[in-house]
Protein backbone atom coordinates (compact mmCIF):
# COMPACT_ATOMS: atom_id res chain seq x y z
CA MET A 1 21.72 12.67 7.57
CA ALA A 2 20.88 12.06 11.70
CA ASP A 3 17.95 13.09 12.11
CA LYS A 4 18.57 15.14 16.05
CA LYS A 5 15.16 14.63 17.36
CA LYS A 6 13.75 11.74 18.98
CA ALA A 7 11.49 10.46 16.43
CA LYS A 8 8.29 9.85 19.22
CA ALA A 9 5.97 7.50 18.21
CA PRO A 10 2.34 8.44 17.60
CA ALA A 11 -0.28 7.77 19.75
CA LYS A 12 -2.39 4.73 20.10
CA LYS A 13 -5.30 4.66 18.28
CA ALA A 14 -8.59 3.23 18.16
CA VAL A 15 -9.38 0.13 15.81
CA GLU A 16 -12.24 1.57 13.45
CA VAL A 17 -14.60 -1.31 12.22
CA GLU A 18 -17.78 -0.89 9.95
CA SER A 19 -19.47 -4.16 9.54
CA PRO A 20 -20.84 -5.10 6.03
CA GLU A 21 -23.73 -4.76 5.97
CA ALA A 22 -22.91 -0.73 6.65
CA ILE A 23 -20.84 -0.89 3.74
CA ALA A 24 -23.88 -2.31 1.58
CA HIS A 25 -26.21 0.10 3.40
CA LYS A 26 -23.92 2.71 1.30
CA VAL A 27 -24.15 0.73 -2.26
CA LYS A 28 -27.77 0.41 -1.79
CA ILE A 29 -28.28 4.90 -1.70
CA MET A 30 -25.99 4.90 -4.53
CA ALA A 31 -28.41 2.40 -6.67
CA ASP A 32 -31.66 3.93 -5.36
CA GLY A 33 -30.34 6.71 -6.15
CA ILE A 34 -30.30 5.54 -9.42
CA VAL A 35 -33.19 3.49 -9.75
CA GLY A 36 -35.23 6.56 -8.58
CA GLN A 37 -33.67 8.38 -11.53
CA ILE A 38 -35.38 5.74 -13.94
CA LYS A 39 -38.22 6.04 -12.05
CA LYS A 40 -39.01 9.44 -12.60
CA GLN A 41 -38.47 8.99 -16.26
CA GLU A 42 -35.09 10.87 -16.89
CA ASP A 43 -31.49 10.02 -17.70
CA PRO A 44 -29.35 7.69 -15.08
CA ILE A 45 -26.23 9.11 -14.22
CA PHE A 46 -23.17 7.05 -11.91
CA THR A 47 -20.68 9.95 -10.75
CA THR A 48 -17.06 8.80 -9.22
CA GLN A 49 -14.83 11.08 -8.24
CA GLN A 50 -11.97 11.81 -11.41
CA ARG A 51 -9.45 9.75 -11.39
CA GLY A 52 -5.01 10.61 -12.76
CA ARG A 53 -2.57 13.05 -12.03
CA SER A 54 -4.50 16.20 -12.47
CA ASN A 55 -6.77 15.46 -9.74
CA VAL A 56 -4.37 14.86 -7.30
CA GLU A 57 -2.78 17.02 -4.52
CA PHE A 58 -0.08 16.56 -1.99
CA SER A 59 -1.71 17.54 1.78
CA GLU A 60 0.82 19.87 3.08
CA ASP A 61 -1.33 19.61 6.55
CA LYS A 62 -1.04 15.52 6.34
CA LYS A 63 1.54 15.16 4.13
CA VAL A 64 -0.25 12.61 1.85
CA LEU A 65 -1.41 12.36 -1.89
CA THR A 66 -5.05 13.66 -1.17
CA LEU A 67 -6.91 12.95 -4.18
CA GLY A 68 -9.06 16.31 -5.49
CA ASP A 69 -12.16 17.51 -6.45
CA LYS A 70 -13.17 16.58 -9.53
CA THR A 71 -15.48 14.47 -10.40
CA THR A 72 -16.84 12.90 -13.83
CA SER A 73 -19.95 11.66 -13.98
CA ARG A 74 -21.16 8.99 -17.22
CA ASN A 75 -24.79 8.92 -18.44
CA PHE A 76 -27.01 5.15 -19.46
CA LEU A 77 -28.74 7.13 -22.25
CA ASN A 78 -25.11 8.33 -23.85
CA ILE A 79 -23.96 5.51 -26.18
CA GLY A 80 -20.56 5.73 -25.33
CA HIS A 81 -20.87 5.53 -21.25
CA ALA A 82 -24.18 2.95 -21.63
CA LYS A 83 -21.78 -0.02 -21.78
CA LYS A 84 -19.52 1.39 -19.16
CA PHE A 85 -23.15 2.31 -17.30
CA MET A 86 -24.10 -1.37 -17.47
CA GLN A 87 -21.33 -2.79 -15.89
CA THR A 88 -19.92 -0.42 -12.99
CA MET A 89 -24.05 -1.91 -12.32
CA MET A 90 -23.48 -5.21 -12.65
CA VAL A 91 -20.11 -4.52 -10.02
CA ALA A 92 -22.69 -3.00 -7.61
CA GLU A 93 -24.70 -5.60 -7.34
CA LYS A 94 -22.23 -8.42 -7.06
CA THR A 95 -20.06 -6.92 -4.80
CA HIS A 96 -24.32 -5.72 -3.06
CA ASN A 97 -24.84 -9.49 -2.56
CA TYR A 98 -20.95 -10.05 -1.68
CA LEU A 99 -20.56 -7.77 1.61
CA LEU A 100 -25.23 -9.20 2.69
CA GLU A 101 -23.58 -13.06 1.90
CA ASN A 102 -20.76 -12.21 4.02
CA LYS A 103 -18.14 -13.79 0.89
CA THR A 104 -14.93 -12.60 0.14
CA ALA A 105 -14.26 -12.79 -3.93
CA SER A 106 -10.78 -11.85 -5.83
CA ILE A 107 -10.77 -9.43 -8.03
CA ARG A 108 -10.88 -12.45 -11.27
CA GLU A 109 -12.82 -14.22 -9.55
CA VAL A 110 -15.13 -10.78 -10.33
CA TYR A 111 -14.29 -10.78 -13.48
CA TYR A 112 -15.40 -13.92 -14.27
CA GLU A 113 -19.02 -14.19 -12.13
CA LEU A 114 -20.27 -11.47 -14.74
CA LYS A 115 -18.87 -11.83 -18.17
CA HIS A 116 -21.06 -13.91 -20.12
CA THR A 117 -22.82 -12.84 -23.37
CA LEU A 118 -25.96 -10.98 -24.20
CA GLY A 119 -28.97 -12.07 -25.31
CA LYS A 120 -28.48 -13.61 -28.76
CA SER A 121 -25.41 -11.36 -29.47
CA LYS A 122 -21.77 -11.91 -29.88
CA GLU A 123 -21.63 -8.50 -27.47
CA ASN A 124 -19.85 -10.21 -23.83
CA THR A 125 -20.18 -8.28 -20.58
CA PHE A 126 -16.34 -8.06 -20.13
CA GLU A 127 -13.40 -8.90 -22.29
CA ASP A 128 -11.04 -8.52 -19.90
CA GLN A 129 -10.29 -8.18 -16.42
CA THR A 130 -8.92 -4.36 -16.87
CA GLU A 131 -12.96 -4.07 -17.24
CA SER A 132 -13.96 -5.04 -14.61
CA ASP A 133 -11.35 -3.64 -12.63
CA ALA A 134 -11.44 0.14 -14.07
CA CYS A 135 -15.31 -0.44 -12.50
CA ILE A 136 -14.96 -1.46 -9.03
CA VAL A 137 -12.63 1.24 -8.49
CA ASP A 138 -15.01 3.58 -9.59
CA LEU A 139 -17.11 1.75 -7.16
CA GLU A 140 -15.33 2.31 -4.55
CA HIS A 141 -14.75 5.65 -5.37
CA SER A 142 -18.55 6.18 -5.33
CA VAL A 143 -19.02 4.64 -2.78
CA ASP A 144 -16.10 6.55 -0.38
CA THR A 145 -15.18 3.38 0.64
CA ILE A 146 -12.34 0.85 -0.58
CA ARG A 147 -11.02 -2.49 -2.02
CA GLU A 148 -11.05 -4.58 0.94
CA LYS A 149 -14.41 -3.55 2.58
CA LEU A 150 -16.63 -3.91 -0.67
CA ASN A 151 -15.11 -8.11 0.39
CA LEU A 152 -12.54 -7.84 -2.81
CA HIS A 153 -9.54 -8.63 -2.88
CA ALA A 154 -6.08 -8.98 -5.00
CA ASN A 155 -3.23 -11.63 -4.94
CA PRO A 156 -1.33 -11.03 -1.01
CA LYS A 157 1.73 -9.56 -1.56
CA GLY A 158 4.12 -10.05 1.80
CA THR A 159 5.86 -11.26 4.45
CA LEU A 160 5.11 -10.18 8.12
CA TYR A 161 6.94 -11.53 11.30
CA GLY A 162 8.01 -11.10 14.33
CA ASP A 163 6.83 -11.25 18.12
CA ILE A 164 3.16 -9.75 17.19
CA THR A 165 0.26 -11.78 18.34
CA LEU A 166 -3.23 -11.60 15.06
CA VAL A 167 -7.10 -12.90 15.47
CA ASP A 168 -8.01 -14.39 11.97
CA ARG A 169 -11.50 -13.32 13.03
CA LYS A 170 -13.22 -15.25 9.32
CA HIS A 171 -11.40 -18.02 10.59
CA ASN A 172 -12.75 -20.14 13.52
CA GLU A 173 -11.22 -16.83 15.68
CA ASP A 174 -7.13 -18.08 14.93
CA GLU A 175 -5.28 -16.84 17.32
CA PHE A 176 -1.23 -16.96 16.20
CA ASN A 177 2.12 -15.18 16.70
CA ALA A 178 4.18 -14.03 14.08
CA ALA A 179 7.02 -15.60 15.83
CA LYS A 180 5.89 -18.77 16.06
CA LEU A 181 5.27 -19.60 12.55
CA GLY A 182 8.63 -20.71 11.53
CA ARG A 183 11.01 -18.30 9.26
CA GLY A 184 8.29 -17.43 6.83
CA GLY A 185 6.37 -15.49 9.20
CA TRP A 186 3.03 -14.70 7.76
CA SER A 187 2.30 -13.96 4.88
CA ILE A 188 0.02 -11.13 5.12
CA MET A 189 -3.31 -11.11 2.64
CA SER A 190 -4.76 -9.12 1.15
CA ARG A 191 -7.93 -7.70 3.33
CA VAL A 192 -6.75 -7.24 6.84
CA GLU A 193 -9.85 -4.35 7.86
CA PRO A 194 -10.43 -5.38 11.87
CA GLU A 195 -13.34 -7.00 10.73
CA GLU A 196 -10.74 -9.70 9.50
CA ILE A 197 -8.73 -9.04 11.36
CA GLU A 198 -7.51 -8.33 15.20
CA ILE A 199 -3.70 -7.18 15.77
CA LYS A 200 -4.05 -8.49 19.58
CA LYS A 201 -0.98 -7.88 21.59
CA VAL A 202 2.82 -6.14 19.90
CA SER A 203 5.60 -7.00 22.00
CA ALA A 204 8.41 -4.93 20.02
CA ASP A 205 9.62 -1.04 19.97
CA TYR A 206 9.53 -0.49 15.96
CA VAL A 207 8.22 -1.68 12.34
CA LEU A 208 11.23 -2.15 10.01
CA VAL A 209 9.63 -2.16 6.36
CA ILE A 210 11.99 -3.59 3.98
CA GLU A 211 12.10 -4.09 0.27
CA THR A 212 12.90 -7.34 -0.77
CA GLU A 213 12.29 -10.82 0.54
CA ALA A 214 16.22 -11.96 0.50
CA MET A 215 17.21 -8.74 3.36
CA TYR A 216 14.01 -9.88 4.96
CA GLU A 217 14.96 -13.75 5.40
CA ARG A 218 18.96 -12.56 5.79
CA LEU A 219 17.31 -10.83 8.77
CA VAL A 220 14.83 -13.54 10.46
CA GLU A 221 17.67 -16.16 10.03
CA GLU A 222 20.34 -13.85 12.30
CA GLY A 223 17.04 -12.98 15.24
CA PHE A 224 17.33 -8.93 14.44
CA ALA A 225 13.99 -9.02 15.16
CA LYS A 226 13.83 -10.42 18.72
CA LYS A 227 17.87 -8.97 19.47
CA ASN A 228 16.15 -5.38 18.69
CA LYS A 229 12.09 -6.05 19.46
CA ALA A 230 11.46 -5.16 16.34
CA ILE A 231 8.49 -5.91 13.63
CA LEU A 232 9.93 -7.05 10.11
CA ILE A 233 7.99 -6.93 6.75
CA SER A 234 8.68 -7.61 3.36
CA THR A 235 7.39 -5.38 0.88
CA GLY A 236 9.09 -7.73 -2.10
CA GLY A 237 8.77 -4.61 -4.19
CA GLN A 238 6.49 -1.92 -3.76
CA ALA A 239 3.44 -2.06 -1.44
CA ALA A 240 0.87 -3.97 -2.04
CA ARG A 241 -2.39 -2.66 -0.80
CA GLY A 242 -3.07 -4.70 1.86
CA THR A 243 1.18 -4.77 3.09
CA ARG A 244 0.24 -0.85 3.58
CA ARG A 245 -2.72 -1.50 5.08
CA LEU A 246 -1.19 -3.45 7.53
CA VAL A 247 1.92 -1.19 7.94
CA HIS A 248 -0.47 1.34 8.31
CA ARG A 249 -2.26 0.16 11.17
CA ILE A 250 -0.02 -1.64 12.84
CA HIS A 251 1.57 2.31 13.50
CA LYS A 252 -1.34 4.16 14.57
CA GLU A 253 -3.12 1.00 16.57
CA GLN A 254 0.06 0.32 18.55
CA GLY A 255 1.65 3.19 18.46
CA LEU A 256 5.32 1.85 16.56
CA PRO A 257 7.63 4.12 14.70
CA VAL A 258 7.90 2.99 10.89
CA TYR A 259 11.45 2.86 9.36
CA MET A 260 11.96 1.71 6.12
CA PHE A 261 15.11 0.76 4.17
CA THR A 262 15.33 -0.72 0.68
CA ASP A 263 17.79 -0.95 -2.72
CA GLY A 264 20.21 2.25 -2.65
CA ASP A 265 18.05 3.66 -6.38
CA PRO A 266 15.77 5.96 -7.09
CA TYR A 267 13.13 2.57 -7.61
CA GLY A 268 13.71 1.65 -4.19
CA TRP A 269 13.03 5.79 -3.07
CA TYR A 270 9.89 5.68 -5.23
CA ILE A 271 8.73 2.13 -2.78
CA TYR A 272 9.80 4.71 0.60
CA SER A 273 7.34 7.02 -0.86
CA VAL A 274 4.84 5.06 -1.56
CA VAL A 275 4.83 3.56 2.14
CA LYS A 276 4.98 6.87 3.58
CA GLN A 277 3.04 9.73 0.88
CA GLY A 278 0.74 7.48 -0.79
CA SER A 279 0.67 6.81 -4.19
CA MET A 280 -1.37 8.27 -7.57
CA ALA A 281 -3.60 5.41 -8.42
CA LEU A 282 -5.08 5.20 -4.67
CA ALA A 283 -3.83 8.94 -3.44
CA ALA A 284 -8.19 9.04 -2.42
CA HIS A 285 -7.07 6.34 -0.05
CA SER A 286 -4.01 8.02 2.03
CA ASP A 287 -5.68 8.09 4.70
CA PHE A 288 -6.49 4.14 4.79
CA LEU A 289 -2.44 3.24 3.17
CA ALA A 290 0.09 6.02 4.00
CA VAL A 291 2.16 6.21 7.41
CA PRO A 292 3.44 10.18 7.32
CA ASP A 293 5.84 9.43 9.84
CA ALA A 294 7.77 7.28 8.03
CA LYS A 295 11.44 7.26 8.61
CA TYR A 296 14.11 6.01 5.62
CA ILE A 297 17.03 4.24 7.34
CA GLY A 298 18.81 2.94 3.94
CA MET A 299 20.06 2.55 1.55
CA THR A 300 21.98 5.63 0.65
CA LEU A 301 24.77 6.83 -1.72
CA GLU A 302 26.36 8.30 2.08
CA ASP A 303 26.83 4.42 2.84
CA VAL A 304 28.67 3.53 -0.68
CA GLU A 305 31.71 5.87 0.99
CA ASP A 306 30.83 4.98 4.79
CA PHE A 307 31.40 0.91 4.40
CA GLY A 308 33.43 0.91 1.67
CA LEU A 309 31.93 -0.92 -0.77
CA GLN A 310 32.91 1.15 -4.24
CA ASN A 311 33.27 -2.16 -5.82
CA VAL A 312 29.79 -3.45 -5.60
CA THR A 313 27.58 -0.43 -6.78
CA GLU A 314 25.85 -1.08 -9.79
CA LYS A 315 25.61 1.71 -13.21
CA MET A 316 21.93 3.58 -12.53
CA LYS A 317 19.83 2.73 -16.27
CA GLU A 318 18.52 5.47 -17.97
CA GLY A 319 15.00 5.15 -16.59
CA ASP A 320 16.80 5.53 -13.07
CA VAL A 321 18.30 8.45 -14.24
CA LYS A 322 14.87 9.75 -15.49
CA ARG A 323 12.47 8.72 -12.27
CA ALA A 324 15.57 10.85 -9.74
CA LYS A 325 15.34 13.56 -12.43
CA GLU A 326 10.92 13.44 -12.34
CA MET A 327 11.46 13.15 -7.68
CA LEU A 328 13.73 15.36 -7.75
CA ASP A 329 10.07 17.29 -8.33
CA TYR A 330 7.71 15.24 -6.55
CA PRO A 331 6.06 18.18 -3.92
CA TRP A 332 7.53 15.80 0.04
CA PHE A 333 10.32 15.59 -1.84
CA GLN A 334 11.02 18.75 -0.95
CA ASN A 335 13.64 18.84 1.46
CA ASN A 336 17.58 19.92 1.50
CA GLU A 337 18.29 15.59 2.99
CA TRP A 338 16.47 13.95 -0.19
CA GLN A 339 17.44 16.49 -3.37
CA ALA A 340 21.43 16.18 -1.76
CA GLU A 341 21.04 12.36 -2.55
CA LEU A 342 18.93 12.41 -5.60
CA LYS A 343 21.10 15.04 -7.16
CA LYS A 344 23.67 12.85 -6.48
CA ALA A 345 22.67 9.90 -7.95
CA ILE A 346 22.02 11.34 -11.12
CA ASN A 347 25.96 13.32 -10.96
CA LEU A 348 27.26 9.49 -10.43
CA LYS A 349 24.09 7.71 -12.08
CA ILE A 350 25.11 4.93 -9.75
CA ARG A 351 23.12 1.99 -7.64
CA ILE A 352 24.15 0.75 -4.01
CA GLU A 353 21.78 -3.06 -3.24
CA GLN A 354 20.92 -3.95 0.04
CA GLN A 355 22.48 -7.55 -0.74
CA ALA A 356 25.51 -5.43 -0.76
CA LEU A 357 26.25 -5.44 2.75
CA ALA A 358 26.98 -8.86 1.78
CA ASN A 359 30.28 -7.54 1.21
CA ARG A 360 31.07 -6.53 4.49
CA SER A 361 29.96 -10.12 6.17
CA LEU A 362 26.29 -11.65 5.74
CA SER A 363 25.60 -10.55 9.67
CA PHE A 364 27.10 -7.24 8.92
CA VAL A 365 23.81 -5.75 7.71
CA ALA A 366 21.14 -7.24 11.42
CA ASP A 367 24.42 -6.81 14.06
CA GLU A 368 26.63 -3.47 12.56
CA TYR A 369 24.59 -1.41 9.92
CA LEU A 370 20.67 -1.73 10.94
CA PRO A 371 20.89 -1.17 14.60
CA LYS A 372 23.96 1.37 14.10
CA LYS A 373 21.89 3.22 12.55
CA ILE A 374 18.49 3.17 14.12
CA LYS A 375 20.51 4.04 17.99
CA LYS A 376 22.15 6.99 16.59
CA LYS A 377 18.35 8.00 14.05
CA GLU A 378 20.60 8.10 10.18
CA PHE A 379 17.51 8.16 9.04
CA LEU A 380 16.23 10.59 5.49
CA PRO A 381 12.71 12.51 6.68
């Protein structure tokens, strides 16, 4: 399973900054097109990219999931489209205003700002946040940007620790080092675009992305980041967009390799694949979020035998087995190493958690397991 080739860090890349005014201009061009149709007494049409598995492709060149070129349209004069058309235009106008006013808003706030009853009717603009959320996704695909650049954000999730200095450009140019904020580190914001968060300096050899908050806290307590010159990032389960974006930026801008450390089960392996290849839901944004050079460092079912953890495994649920069988067919898992790992999981029907390494000792993961795997390049691709 060892990767004989020495991991090569990517070259540092210049930061791409796109101003709120530039994004606002994109929204205005889209809106002007619709206004032009109305002035010509034509049926106004809003067009966006079609989402869903049928329009998602795996790029062999980029090694990430991408969205295909299929589009979908809605016409204002189509009674089945009219309400969604109206909702989309409301979201577009509100977002355009946020950008010009240099304000940010949560997607929950957008919903409440726009929700009201229409005239004397009993009809509401929005009945549920899922409706406004869908309009936001349609808008970002329509103007070829990401939600965060539209000055919108969701609830943040993820934590950063290590010798990395950031500058909060939106908050008095505050400069801070994530290793000097206490053991809790820095809570990763939903919006970490270069216009908002500058990565000023990094003193590390690699980024270690960790699935569970508990394991992240263990590594911080054991002094792993300093001893091994590592940047630690906890995803707290499936990685949020802000966390994926930050991992992508550190990798691209600072040229640091990325290693992923999850539980040894299909759910953990899927979390890794989302960080590496992107997700079907956000296939259009893989260039902003994915890290195709990422390597998987553990846990694996081989660890059960290698470290004598047979007594601390757990049985996989039927849902886990089903997920493993689905993953066997994913194009990005079509290599000998992952095929063997997935088939072993299906046959043995066992899983192993990160915390199971505490069966050896609390410090075992920081002192032996991770350092040895990284030194020997024992990665899964």
